[in-house]
């Protein structure tokens, strides 16, 4: 029977084991359902985040590739346009240069003609006629020359225009070919983009299906764990961790720890015991390292959660009582604590040579301590050899120190006894002196008493006592009469 107190009125009432178990099961089921709901929501959120992350990553890659292709197309178009403009400018400059040269020659001839006309105005009429003829002839020659030069320049202009047209046609063909290549590349990129989009959709579908399968498996695993933990008692939870560690050690015992001792601690004579004791020795039987292990686990539905620190004091006590060098707590407690989840935790600031580890560090921790102890053992052996070589000096010094200690102790005892005897003699002398003084005083009193006794007479006694004087006188008379009769 269990006593249950009402949280509202505080009244206590009794309930049997079955009812108590039902109430406890309801509380645990509600807590477990809440935790299960939280974990399912967390799993769904993780799946959604992973899908969105995959989508964003794939879209970013496709956008980056598309931007690179568009930049390439724009660069090619700019190069083609620059080449076209450069060709046109070069052709225009050549035509302008040719026209400028022809115009310069024409202006020179016109200047010569004007100079000849001006010179003819100052001559005579005959000279004027001759001059006019000469001028006319000159004009004809100049006109012919100009006509010939003009025809040459027109032919050159036509040739340059033909070359310009041919070059424009070739440039247009080149631009067309370049644009066709770019368009072909664009079409290829578009096809790649469509294919990438299709692959992204397929990947999204595969990821979604994969996470759905994982979620389904997780749900099944949660249901299995829920059923398992409902059946698992507190003792079985702890024994499961112990069995795991023992199995891990036995799996490597033959190869890694052939001379090691690893057994349960069944010695409870001191009032408590650990879970396992590990000891390893070298080839000659010298102990290398010894470890006291404590395994701690608890059910997720346990109402009162324990902490690792709650077991440090008892573990240190077991280590000292069983003579082990190290103490290690293999713990699954405080699963959210980042300190204990980070690896091997040294708590020697609380208790000497004590560590807290998770089960995955069980074998590495034993190997680490064993190897460190093996390295230290060589120095210990060298120290033992040096001590063995100097054993005589050590024993001599120890014997000398022992003699000095014992002699000093005996001297102290004799000195104390001597002073005690002197003190007792002084006390005896004082006592005898007091006795002597008392005897002397007694003798003096006896002498005074004797003097006083000798000074006593009948006369002095009867001087102030007439009755007694009369009695003594009668006695004296009687004595005198008797003596006389005896004499007759």
Foldseek 3Di string as FASTA:
>chain_A
DDWDADPPPRDIDDDDPVVVVVVLVVLLVVVLVVVVVVVLVVLVVVLVVVLVVLVVVLVVVLVVVVVVLVVVLVVVVVVLVVVVVVLVVVLVVVLVVLVVVLVVVVVVLVVVLVVLVVVLVPDDPVSNVVSVVVSVVSVVVVVVVNVVSVVVSVVVVVVSVVVSVVVVVVSVVVVVVSVVVSVVVVVVSVVVSVVSVVVSVVVSVVSVVVSVVVSVVVVVVSVVVVVVLVPADFVNFQVVLVVVLVVVCVVCCVPPPVQKDWDAWPDCPVPDAAGIKIWGADPVRHTQFIEGEHEDEGRPSDPDADDPVVCPVVQLVNCVVVVGDAYEYAYPGPVVDVQAVVAKADPVVPPNRYIYHHSVCSVVVVVVSSVVSVVVVVVVVVVVVVCVVCVVVVVVVVVVVVVVVVVVVVVVVVVVVVVVVVVVVVVVVVVVVVVVVVVVVVVVVVVVVVVVVVPDDPCVVCVPPVVVVVVVVVVVVVVVVVVVVVVD
